[in-house]
């Protein structure tokens, strides 16, 4: 498959340098590793005690595993965290094939878990990562304990045309002004995102373009009813991709073992905007018994 990097000199080097600058602020010991899969080499950042429960983290579209920079210090006290660079997106993974559908996504996930020696795990995902988490809840349920899904891309409601167009234009015309505008549009009023991470996102979009074929989409009723793992759904009350309350209402109607929380004064980037709040909600949910 074609490289994710745009056809200009130094594109890969510029992005890798931006990624590594963000990782310098990780604030806890971190191991960088690769797992070989049918789809290529998947890059993963590992932190936390070796004997702690595993927690797989999936990032948002156009970001990378460094997206969890403000969450890692707290999460890695309780869990062995595996921040996965989704293959085909803008990150350090090295794809040789594109993931084309949900079944292939589940295959990739199984191969990643096998390479890491993990039999069962908690999962958390934001935006596109939240969509991926829900896909796995349907197609690879035997590997999942509990799941926290944050503002999942589409899934419970169609994305608005305005949101889709803004994202599309940012990919086609990735000026610094446009990308900063997209970031500001996505986060809640008055909220901030780590500046080094913001700069990495801008550098990444200006030097690369995701090569994913598994696009986030609206999940039908039967898919959502099939989810059996306990889920905590978090959506910011200022989310701009769809109506947050409609998404929560549909999720509660269809997903059997779900808890929901409309997070106040928060936009689309929950874990980046309000890390302390999100960390607390995640840890509480993962550590509490759930009756099924």
C-alpha atoms as a PDB file:
ATOM      1  CA  UNK A   1       0.000   0.000   0.000  1.00  0.00           C
ATOM      2  CA  UNK A   2       1.048   3.614  -0.416  1.00  0.00           C
ATOM      3  CA  UNK A   3       2.829   5.393   2.393  1.00  0.00           C
ATOM      4  CA  UNK A   4       0.841   7.712   4.685  1.00  0.00           C
ATOM      5  CA  UNK A   5       3.380  10.479   4.050  1.00  0.00           C
ATOM      6  CA  UNK A   6       2.727  13.277   1.617  1.00  0.00           C
ATOM      7  CA  UNK A   7       4.949  13.627  -1.420  1.00  0.00           C
ATOM      8  CA  UNK A   8       7.379  16.190  -0.108  1.00  0.00           C
ATOM      9  CA  UNK A   9      10.928  16.135   1.173  1.00  0.00           C
ATOM     10  CA  UNK A  10      11.427  15.349   4.857  1.00  0.00           C
ATOM     11  CA  UNK A  11       7.763  14.591   5.566  1.00  0.00           C
ATOM     12  CA  UNK A  12       8.367  11.425   7.579  1.00  0.00           C
ATOM     13  CA  UNK A  13      11.260  12.936   9.508  1.00  0.00           C
ATOM     14  CA  UNK A  14       9.222  16.018  10.428  1.00  0.00           C
ATOM     15  CA  UNK A  15       6.374  13.928  11.820  1.00  0.00           C
ATOM     16  CA  UNK A  16       8.588  11.509  13.756  1.00  0.00           C
ATOM     17  CA  UNK A  17      10.362  14.444  15.381  1.00  0.00           C
ATOM     18  CA  UNK A  18       7.001  15.954  16.405  1.00  0.00           C
ATOM     19  CA  UNK A  19       5.826  12.599  17.812  1.00  0.00           C
ATOM     20  CA  UNK A  20       9.033  12.187  19.805  1.00  0.00           C
ATOM     21  CA  UNK A  21       8.787  15.736  21.179  1.00  0.00           C
ATOM     22  CA  UNK A  22       5.355  14.916  22.591  1.00  0.00           C
ATOM     23  CA  UNK A  23       6.632  11.652  24.025  1.00  0.00           C
ATOM     24  CA  UNK A  24       9.324  13.556  25.931  1.00  0.00           C
ATOM     25  CA  UNK A  25       6.467  14.923  28.075  1.00  0.00           C
ATOM     26  CA  UNK A  26       4.965  11.463  28.767  1.00  0.00           C
ATOM     27  CA  UNK A  27       5.886  11.955  32.445  1.00  0.00           C
ATOM     28  CA  UNK A  28       6.091   8.226  33.305  1.00  0.00           C
ATOM     29  CA  UNK A  29       8.448   5.449  32.152  1.00  0.00           C
ATOM     30  CA  UNK A  30       7.407   4.229  28.710  1.00  0.00           C
ATOM     31  CA  UNK A  31       8.414   1.326  26.504  1.00  0.00           C
ATOM     32  CA  UNK A  32       8.069   1.573  22.731  1.00  0.00           C
ATOM     33  CA  UNK A  33       7.480  -1.713  20.929  1.00  0.00           C
ATOM     34  CA  UNK A  34       6.181  -3.180  17.670  1.00  0.00           C
ATOM     35  CA  UNK A  35       3.897  -6.160  17.079  1.00  0.00           C
ATOM     36  CA  UNK A  36       3.909  -7.863  13.681  1.00  0.00           C
ATOM     37  CA  UNK A  37       0.475  -8.470  12.154  1.00  0.00           C
ATOM     38  CA  UNK A  38      -0.932  -9.430   8.759  1.00  0.00           C
ATOM     39  CA  UNK A  39      -1.514  -5.715   8.168  1.00  0.00           C
ATOM     40  CA  UNK A  40       2.004  -4.606   9.119  1.00  0.00           C
ATOM     41  CA  UNK A  41       3.937  -3.541  12.195  1.00  0.00           C
ATOM     42  CA  UNK A  42       1.772  -2.023  14.927  1.00  0.00           C
ATOM     43  CA  UNK A  43       3.518   0.438  17.232  1.00  0.00           C
ATOM     44  CA  UNK A  44       2.538   0.504  20.912  1.00  0.00           C
ATOM     45  CA  UNK A  45       3.523   2.627  23.918  1.00  0.00           C
ATOM     46  CA  UNK A  46       3.541   0.650  27.188  1.00  0.00           C
ATOM     47  CA  UNK A  47       3.500   2.096  30.711  1.00  0.00           C
ATOM     48  CA  UNK A  48       2.508   1.001  34.192  1.00  0.00           C
ATOM     49  CA  UNK A  49       3.272  -1.976  36.463  1.00  0.00           C
ATOM     50  CA  UNK A  50       3.939  -5.274  34.695  1.00  0.00           C
ATOM     51  CA  UNK A  51       1.573  -7.130  37.037  1.00  0.00           C
ATOM     52  CA  UNK A  52      -1.346  -4.671  36.722  1.00  0.00           C
ATOM     53  CA  UNK A  53      -4.537  -5.270  34.734  1.00  0.00           C
ATOM     54  CA  UNK A  54      -4.082  -4.468  31.034  1.00  0.00           C
ATOM     55  CA  UNK A  55      -5.793  -1.453  29.481  1.00  0.00           C
ATOM     56  CA  UNK A  56      -5.741  -0.935  25.700  1.00  0.00           C
ATOM     57  CA  UNK A  57      -6.125   2.689  24.544  1.00  0.00           C
ATOM     58  CA  UNK A  58      -7.253   3.714  21.051  1.00  0.00           C
ATOM     59  CA  UNK A  59      -6.648   7.293  19.863  1.00  0.00           C
ATOM     60  CA  UNK A  60      -8.671   9.665  17.719  1.00  0.00           C
ATOM     61  CA  UNK A  61      -8.409   9.913  13.915  1.00  0.00           C
ATOM     62  CA  UNK A  62      -5.373  11.882  12.764  1.00  0.00           C
ATOM     63  CA  UNK A  63      -3.743  11.700  16.181  1.00  0.00           C
ATOM     64  CA  UNK A  64      -1.596   8.933  17.657  1.00  0.00           C
ATOM     65  CA  UNK A  65      -1.010   7.185  20.949  1.00  0.00           C
ATOM     66  CA  UNK A  66       0.626  10.307  22.328  1.00  0.00           C
ATOM     67  CA  UNK A  67      -2.932  11.683  22.523  1.00  0.00           C
ATOM     68  CA  UNK A  68      -3.080  10.122  26.020  1.00  0.00           C
ATOM     69  CA  UNK A  69      -0.227  12.297  27.300  1.00  0.00           C
ATOM     70  CA  UNK A  70      -2.308  14.053  29.977  1.00  0.00           C
ATOM     71  CA  UNK A  71      -3.982  10.804  31.110  1.00  0.00           C
ATOM     72  CA  UNK A  72      -0.989   8.556  31.411  1.00  0.00           C
ATOM     73  CA  UNK A  73       0.415   9.540  34.802  1.00  0.00           C
ATOM     74  CA  UNK A  74      -2.828   8.634  36.568  1.00  0.00           C
ATOM     75  CA  UNK A  75      -3.898   5.652  34.450  1.00  0.00           C
ATOM     76  CA  UNK A  76      -0.522   3.949  34.636  1.00  0.00           C
ATOM     77  CA  UNK A  77      -0.686   3.873  38.433  1.00  0.00           C
ATOM     78  CA  UNK A  78      -3.586   1.427  38.227  1.00  0.00           C
ATOM     79  CA  UNK A  79      -3.099  -0.337  34.893  1.00  0.00           C
ATOM     80  CA  UNK A  80      -0.560  -1.733  32.500  1.00  0.00           C
ATOM     81  CA  UNK A  81      -1.428   0.632  29.665  1.00  0.00           C
ATOM     82  CA  UNK A  82      -0.970  -0.223  25.995  1.00  0.00           C
ATOM     83  CA  UNK A  83      -1.490   2.887  23.851  1.00  0.00           C
ATOM     84  CA  UNK A  84      -1.899   1.495  20.349  1.00  0.00           C
ATOM     85  CA  UNK A  85      -1.047   3.393  17.180  1.00  0.00           C
ATOM     86  CA  UNK A  86      -3.961   2.351  14.959  1.00  0.00           C
ATOM     87  CA  UNK A  87      -2.403   0.960  11.803  1.00  0.00           C
ATOM     88  CA  UNK A  88      -2.920   3.145   8.725  1.00  0.00           C
ATOM     89  CA  UNK A  89      -3.383   6.367  10.698  1.00  0.00           C
ATOM     90  CA  UNK A  90      -0.790   9.106  11.254  1.00  0.00           C
ATOM     91  CA  UNK A  91       1.549   7.501  13.790  1.00  0.00           C
ATOM     92  CA  UNK A  92       4.550   5.179  14.034  1.00  0.00           C
ATOM     93  CA  UNK A  93       2.809   1.994  12.897  1.00  0.00           C
ATOM     94  CA  UNK A  94       3.966   0.723   9.509  1.00  0.00           C
ATOM     95  CA  UNK A  95       1.095  -0.656   7.425  1.00  0.00           C
ATOM     96  CA  UNK A  96       1.571  -2.975   4.454  1.00  0.00           C
ATOM     97  CA  UNK A  97      -2.184  -3.602   4.011  1.00  0.00           C
ATOM     98  CA  UNK A  98      -5.238  -1.508   4.789  1.00  0.00           C
ATOM     99  CA  UNK A  99      -7.875  -2.715   7.223  1.00  0.00           C
ATOM    100  CA  UNK A 100     -10.910  -2.828   4.934  1.00  0.00           C
ATOM    101  CA  UNK A 101     -13.798  -3.798   7.215  1.00  0.00           C
ATOM    102  CA  UNK A 102     -14.868  -4.620  10.762  1.00  0.00           C
ATOM    103  CA  UNK A 103     -13.916  -8.290  10.538  1.00  0.00           C
ATOM    104  CA  UNK A 104     -10.391  -7.367   9.455  1.00  0.00           C
ATOM    105  CA  UNK A 105     -10.200  -4.897  12.328  1.00  0.00           C
ATOM    106  CA  UNK A 106     -11.024  -7.726  14.737  1.00  0.00           C
ATOM    107  CA  UNK A 107      -8.352  -9.896  13.130  1.00  0.00           C
ATOM    108  CA  UNK A 108      -5.774  -7.128  13.574  1.00  0.00           C
ATOM    109  CA  UNK A 109      -6.804  -6.709  17.226  1.00  0.00           C
ATOM    110  CA  UNK A 110      -6.480 -10.446  17.922  1.00  0.00           C
ATOM    111  CA  UNK A 111      -2.997 -10.453  16.413  1.00  0.00           C
ATOM    112  CA  UNK A 112      -1.959  -7.428  18.493  1.00  0.00           C
ATOM    113  CA  UNK A 113      -3.194  -9.091  21.695  1.00  0.00           C
ATOM    114  CA  UNK A 114      -1.410 -12.321  20.785  1.00  0.00           C
ATOM    115  CA  UNK A 115       1.825 -10.439  20.175  1.00  0.00           C
ATOM    116  CA  UNK A 116       1.512  -8.725  23.550  1.00  0.00           C
ATOM    117  CA  UNK A 117       0.591 -11.956  25.357  1.00  0.00           C
ATOM    118  CA  UNK A 118      -2.763 -10.537  26.533  1.00  0.00           C
ATOM    119  CA  UNK A 119      -5.750 -12.866  26.870  1.00  0.00           C
ATOM    120  CA  UNK A 120      -8.361 -10.352  28.028  1.00  0.00           C
ATOM    121  CA  UNK A 121      -8.278  -6.597  28.572  1.00  0.00           C
ATOM    122  CA  UNK A 122     -10.114  -3.389  29.369  1.00  0.00           C
ATOM    123  CA  UNK A 123     -10.414  -0.979  26.437  1.00  0.00           C
ATOM    124  CA  UNK A 124     -10.847   2.781  26.168  1.00  0.00           C
ATOM    125  CA  UNK A 125     -11.197   4.799  22.989  1.00  0.00           C
ATOM    126  CA  UNK A 126     -11.873   8.393  21.967  1.00  0.00           C
ATOM    127  CA  UNK A 127     -13.654   9.488  18.765  1.00  0.00           C
ATOM    128  CA  UNK A 128     -12.408   7.166  15.999  1.00  0.00           C
ATOM    129  CA  UNK A 129     -10.856   5.080  18.758  1.00  0.00           C
ATOM    130  CA  UNK A 130     -14.282   4.861  20.385  1.00  0.00           C
ATOM    131  CA  UNK A 131     -15.766   3.585  17.122  1.00  0.00           C
ATOM    132  CA  UNK A 132     -12.994   0.976  16.895  1.00  0.00           C
ATOM    133  CA  UNK A 133     -13.692  -0.081  20.488  1.00  0.00           C
ATOM    134  CA  UNK A 134     -17.378  -0.651  19.661  1.00  0.00           C
ATOM    135  CA  UNK A 135     -16.430  -2.623  16.546  1.00  0.00           C
ATOM    136  CA  UNK A 136     -14.317  -4.909  18.732  1.00  0.00           C
ATOM    137  CA  UNK A 137     -17.093  -5.245  21.316  1.00  0.00           C
ATOM    138  CA  UNK A 138     -19.198  -6.738  18.514  1.00  0.00           C
ATOM    139  CA  UNK A 139     -16.574  -8.737  16.609  1.00  0.00           C
ATOM    140  CA  UNK A 140     -14.058  -9.765  19.305  1.00  0.00           C
ATOM    141  CA  UNK A 141     -16.059  -9.824  22.575  1.00  0.00           C
ATOM    142  CA  UNK A 142     -14.215 -12.760  24.114  1.00  0.00           C
ATOM    143  CA  UNK A 143     -11.107 -10.603  24.601  1.00  0.00           C
ATOM    144  CA  UNK A 144     -12.788  -7.696  26.407  1.00  0.00           C
ATOM    145  CA  UNK A 145     -13.556  -7.140  30.096  1.00  0.00           C
ATOM    146  CA  UNK A 146     -14.968  -3.598  30.232  1.00  0.00           C
ATOM    147  CA  UNK A 147     -14.912  -0.661  27.882  1.00  0.00           C
ATOM    148  CA  UNK A 148     -14.979   3.130  28.142  1.00  0.00           C
ATOM    149  CA  UNK A 149     -16.148   4.782  24.919  1.00  0.00           C
ATOM    150  CA  UNK A 150     -15.689   8.557  24.595  1.00  0.00           C
ATOM    151  CA  UNK A 151     -17.600  10.528  21.937  1.00  0.00           C
ATOM    152  CA  UNK A 152     -17.394   7.632  19.475  1.00  0.00           C
ATOM    153  CA  UNK A 153     -17.185   8.718  15.854  1.00  0.00           C
ATOM    154  CA  UNK A 154     -20.689   8.223  14.390  1.00  0.00           C
ATOM    155  CA  UNK A 155     -21.733   4.830  15.896  1.00  0.00           C
ATOM    156  CA  UNK A 156     -24.868   5.992  17.768  1.00  0.00           C
ATOM    157  CA  UNK A 157     -25.734   8.957  15.519  1.00  0.00           C
ATOM    158  CA  UNK A 158     -24.705  10.097  12.028  1.00  0.00           C
ATOM    159  CA  UNK A 159     -22.010  12.755  11.996  1.00  0.00           C
ATOM    160  CA  UNK A 160     -23.122  16.233  10.994  1.00  0.00           C
ATOM    161  CA  UNK A 161     -22.288  17.476   7.490  1.00  0.00           C
ATOM    162  CA  UNK A 162     -20.511  20.500   8.962  1.00  0.00           C
ATOM    163  CA  UNK A 163     -18.224  18.286  11.061  1.00  0.00           C
ATOM    164  CA  UNK A 164     -17.466  16.008   8.111  1.00  0.00           C
ATOM    165  CA  UNK A 165     -16.714  18.908   5.745  1.00  0.00           C
ATOM    166  CA  UNK A 166     -14.414  20.647   8.232  1.00  0.00           C
ATOM    167  CA  UNK A 167     -12.423  17.424   8.696  1.00  0.00           C
ATOM    168  CA  UNK A 168     -12.297  16.799   4.940  1.00  0.00           C
ATOM    169  CA  UNK A 169     -11.060  20.315   4.148  1.00  0.00           C
ATOM    170  CA  UNK A 170      -8.400  20.053   6.861  1.00  0.00           C
ATOM    171  CA  UNK A 171      -7.038  16.972   5.120  1.00  0.00           C
ATOM    172  CA  UNK A 172      -7.108  18.525   1.639  1.00  0.00           C
ATOM    173  CA  UNK A 173      -5.861  21.998   2.627  1.00  0.00           C
ATOM    174  CA  UNK A 174      -3.849  21.445   5.844  1.00  0.00           C
ATOM    175  CA  UNK A 175      -2.806  25.012   6.592  1.00  0.00           C
ATOM    176  CA  UNK A 176      -1.782  25.822  10.140  1.00  0.00           C
ATOM    177  CA  UNK A 177      -4.695  28.254  10.439  1.00  0.00           C
ATOM    178  CA  UNK A 178      -7.247  25.687   9.237  1.00  0.00           C
ATOM    179  CA  UNK A 179      -5.906  22.928  11.506  1.00  0.00           C
ATOM    180  CA  UNK A 180      -5.834  25.196  14.541  1.00  0.00           C
ATOM    181  CA  UNK A 181      -9.385  26.205  13.685  1.00  0.00           C
ATOM    182  CA  UNK A 182     -10.448  22.549  13.514  1.00  0.00           C
ATOM    183  CA  UNK A 183      -8.905  21.849  16.916  1.00  0.00           C
ATOM    184  CA  UNK A 184     -10.619  24.892  18.438  1.00  0.00           C
ATOM    185  CA  UNK A 185     -13.929  23.855  16.861  1.00  0.00           C
ATOM    186  CA  UNK A 186     -13.687  20.401  18.434  1.00  0.00           C
ATOM    187  CA  UNK A 187     -12.861  21.360  22.012  1.00  0.00           C
ATOM    188  CA  UNK A 188     -15.252  22.930  24.511  1.00  0.00           C
ATOM    189  CA  UNK A 189     -15.382  26.666  25.134  1.00  0.00           C
ATOM    190  CA  UNK A 190     -12.491  27.835  27.295  1.00  0.00           C
ATOM    191  CA  UNK A 191     -10.803  24.427  27.339  1.00  0.00           C
ATOM    192  CA  UNK A 192      -7.189  23.802  26.387  1.00  0.00           C
ATOM    193  CA  UNK A 193      -5.285  20.931  24.779  1.00  0.00           C
ATOM    194  CA  UNK A 194      -1.610  20.182  25.445  1.00  0.00           C
ATOM    195  CA  UNK A 195       0.272  22.563  23.141  1.00  0.00           C
ATOM    196  CA  UNK A 196       2.966  20.062  22.145  1.00  0.00           C
ATOM    197  CA  UNK A 197       0.271  17.566  21.182  1.00  0.00           C
ATOM    198  CA  UNK A 198      -1.565  20.252  19.202  1.00  0.00           C
ATOM    199  CA  UNK A 199       1.644  21.001  17.297  1.00  0.00           C
ATOM    200  CA  UNK A 200       2.154  17.281  16.628  1.00  0.00           C
ATOM    201  CA  UNK A 201      -1.364  17.041  15.167  1.00  0.00           C
ATOM    202  CA  UNK A 202      -0.687  20.006  12.877  1.00  0.00           C
ATOM    203  CA  UNK A 203       2.708  18.661  11.783  1.00  0.00           C
ATOM    204  CA  UNK A 204       1.207  15.223  11.217  1.00  0.00           C
ATOM    205  CA  UNK A 205      -1.667  16.480   9.041  1.00  0.00           C
ATOM    206  CA  UNK A 206       0.680  18.695   7.021  1.00  0.00           C
ATOM    207  CA  UNK A 207       3.093  15.842   6.320  1.00  0.00           C
ATOM    208  CA  UNK A 208       0.848  12.768   6.176  1.00  0.00           C
ATOM    209  CA  UNK A 209      -2.674  11.569   5.450  1.00  0.00           C
ATOM    210  CA  UNK A 210      -4.398   8.540   7.011  1.00  0.00           C
ATOM    211  CA  UNK A 211      -4.793   5.529   4.718  1.00  0.00           C
ATOM    212  CA  UNK A 212      -7.715   3.893   6.485  1.00  0.00           C
ATOM    213  CA  UNK A 213     -10.566   2.150   4.635  1.00  0.00           C
ATOM    214  CA  UNK A 214     -12.578   1.389   7.773  1.00  0.00           C
ATOM    215  CA  UNK A 215     -14.527   4.627   8.097  1.00  0.00           C
ATOM    216  CA  UNK A 216     -16.679   5.378  11.142  1.00  0.00           C
ATOM    217  CA  UNK A 217     -20.327   4.795  10.489  1.00  0.00           C
ATOM    218  CA  UNK A 218     -23.770   4.584  12.038  1.00  0.00           C
ATOM    219  CA  UNK A 219     -24.264   1.184  13.720  1.00  0.00           C
ATOM    220  CA  UNK A 220     -27.604  -0.530  13.239  1.00  0.00           C
ATOM    221  CA  UNK A 221     -29.848  -1.683  16.083  1.00  0.00           C
ATOM    222  CA  UNK A 222     -28.859  -5.343  15.837  1.00  0.00           C
ATOM    223  CA  UNK A 223     -25.158  -4.514  16.079  1.00  0.00           C
ATOM    224  CA  UNK A 224     -25.656  -2.442  19.218  1.00  0.00           C
ATOM    225  CA  UNK A 225     -27.968  -5.011  20.832  1.00  0.00           C
ATOM    226  CA  UNK A 226     -25.253  -7.651  20.331  1.00  0.00           C
ATOM    227  CA  UNK A 227     -22.759  -5.844  22.587  1.00  0.00           C
ATOM    228  CA  UNK A 228     -22.462  -7.801  25.837  1.00  0.00           C
ATOM    229  CA  UNK A 229     -19.498  -6.268  27.671  1.00  0.00           C
ATOM    230  CA  UNK A 230     -20.109  -3.530  30.271  1.00  0.00           C
ATOM    231  CA  UNK A 231     -19.645  -0.102  28.687  1.00  0.00           C
ATOM    232  CA  UNK A 232     -19.308   3.413  30.032  1.00  0.00           C
ATOM    233  CA  UNK A 233     -20.262   5.962  27.359  1.00  0.00           C
ATOM    234  CA  UNK A 234     -18.908   9.477  27.883  1.00  0.00           C
ATOM    235  CA  UNK A 235     -19.934  12.359  25.617  1.00  0.00           C
ATOM    236  CA  UNK A 236     -19.184  16.046  26.104  1.00  0.00           C
ATOM    237  CA  UNK A 237     -22.218  18.311  26.332  1.00  0.00           C
ATOM    238  CA  UNK A 238     -20.569  20.574  23.720  1.00  0.00           C
ATOM    239  CA  UNK A 239     -19.716  17.801  21.252  1.00  0.00           C
ATOM    240  CA  UNK A 240     -20.049  19.044  17.688  1.00  0.00           C
ATOM    241  CA  UNK A 241     -20.190  15.834  15.605  1.00  0.00           C
ATOM    242  CA  UNK A 242     -23.818  15.021  16.545  1.00  0.00           C
ATOM    243  CA  UNK A 243     -26.481  15.745  19.164  1.00  0.00           C
ATOM    244  CA  UNK A 244     -24.960  14.339  22.401  1.00  0.00           C
ATOM    245  CA  UNK A 245     -28.296  13.682  24.082  1.00  0.00           C
ATOM    246  CA  UNK A 246     -29.700  11.806  21.090  1.00  0.00           C
ATOM    247  CA  UNK A 247     -26.598   9.600  20.998  1.00  0.00           C
ATOM    248  CA  UNK A 248     -26.895   8.819  24.712  1.00  0.00           C
ATOM    249  CA  UNK A 249     -30.628   8.102  24.438  1.00  0.00           C
ATOM    250  CA  UNK A 250     -30.153   5.635  21.571  1.00  0.00           C
ATOM    251  CA  UNK A 251     -27.225   3.949  23.323  1.00  0.00           C
ATOM    252  CA  UNK A 252     -29.280   3.428  26.496  1.00  0.00           C
ATOM    253  CA  UNK A 253     -32.168   2.011  24.487  1.00  0.00           C
ATOM    254  CA  UNK A 254     -30.103  -0.571  22.619  1.00  0.00           C
ATOM    255  CA  UNK A 255     -26.868  -1.530  24.419  1.00  0.00           C
ATOM    256  CA  UNK A 256     -27.626  -4.002  27.242  1.00  0.00           C
ATOM    257  CA  UNK A 257     -24.945  -3.235  29.859  1.00  0.00           C
ATOM    258  CA  UNK A 258     -24.256   0.451  29.427  1.00  0.00           C
ATOM    259  CA  UNK A 259     -23.766   3.407  31.726  1.00  0.00           C
ATOM    260  CA  UNK A 260     -23.737   6.930  30.314  1.00  0.00           C
ATOM    261  CA  UNK A 261     -22.449  10.321  31.371  1.00  0.00           C
ATOM    262  CA  UNK A 262     -22.957  13.666  29.645  1.00  0.00           C
ATOM    263  CA  UNK A 263     -19.750  15.450  30.672  1.00  0.00           C
ATOM    264  CA  UNK A 264     -20.324  19.126  31.450  1.00  0.00           C
ATOM    265  CA  UNK A 265     -18.449  21.961  29.735  1.00  0.00           C
ATOM    266  CA  UNK A 266     -16.628  19.569  27.421  1.00  0.00           C
ATOM    267  CA  UNK A 267     -16.346  19.205  23.662  1.00  0.00           C
ATOM    268  CA  UNK A 268     -15.292  16.325  21.424  1.00  0.00           C
ATOM    269  CA  UNK A 269     -11.817  15.764  22.885  1.00  0.00           C
ATOM    270  CA  UNK A 270     -12.801  14.629  26.381  1.00  0.00           C
ATOM    271  CA  UNK A 271      -9.597  12.895  27.494  1.00  0.00           C
ATOM    272  CA  UNK A 272      -7.469  15.751  26.155  1.00  0.00           C
ATOM    273  CA  UNK A 273      -9.700  18.539  27.507  1.00  0.00           C
ATOM    274  CA  UNK A 274     -10.556  17.208  30.969  1.00  0.00           C
ATOM    275  CA  UNK A 275      -8.006  14.503  31.781  1.00  0.00           C
ATOM    276  CA  UNK A 276      -8.503  14.519  35.567  1.00  0.00           C
ATOM    277  CA  UNK A 277     -12.281  14.127  35.247  1.00  0.00           C
ATOM    278  CA  UNK A 278     -12.052  11.447  32.571  1.00  0.00           C
ATOM    279  CA  UNK A 279      -9.336   9.515  34.424  1.00  0.00           C
ATOM    280  CA  UNK A 280     -11.482   9.454  37.559  1.00  0.00           C
ATOM    281  CA  UNK A 281     -14.552   8.231  35.669  1.00  0.00           C
ATOM    282  CA  UNK A 282     -12.551   5.539  33.874  1.00  0.00           C
ATOM    283  CA  UNK A 283     -10.811   4.180  36.957  1.00  0.00           C
ATOM    284  CA  UNK A 284     -14.032   4.143  38.963  1.00  0.00           C
ATOM    285  CA  UNK A 285     -15.863   2.246  36.226  1.00  0.00           C
ATOM    286  CA  UNK A 286     -13.115  -0.304  35.630  1.00  0.00           C
ATOM    287  CA  UNK A 287     -12.723  -1.006  39.353  1.00  0.00           C
ATOM    288  CA  UNK A 288     -16.440  -1.415  40.154  1.00  0.00           C
ATOM    289  CA  UNK A 289     -18.254  -4.742  39.855  1.00  0.00           C
ATOM    290  CA  UNK A 290     -20.997  -4.788  37.254  1.00  0.00           C
ATOM    291  CA  UNK A 291     -23.894  -7.223  37.431  1.00  0.00           C
ATOM    292  CA  UNK A 292     -24.750  -8.784  34.068  1.00  0.00           C
END
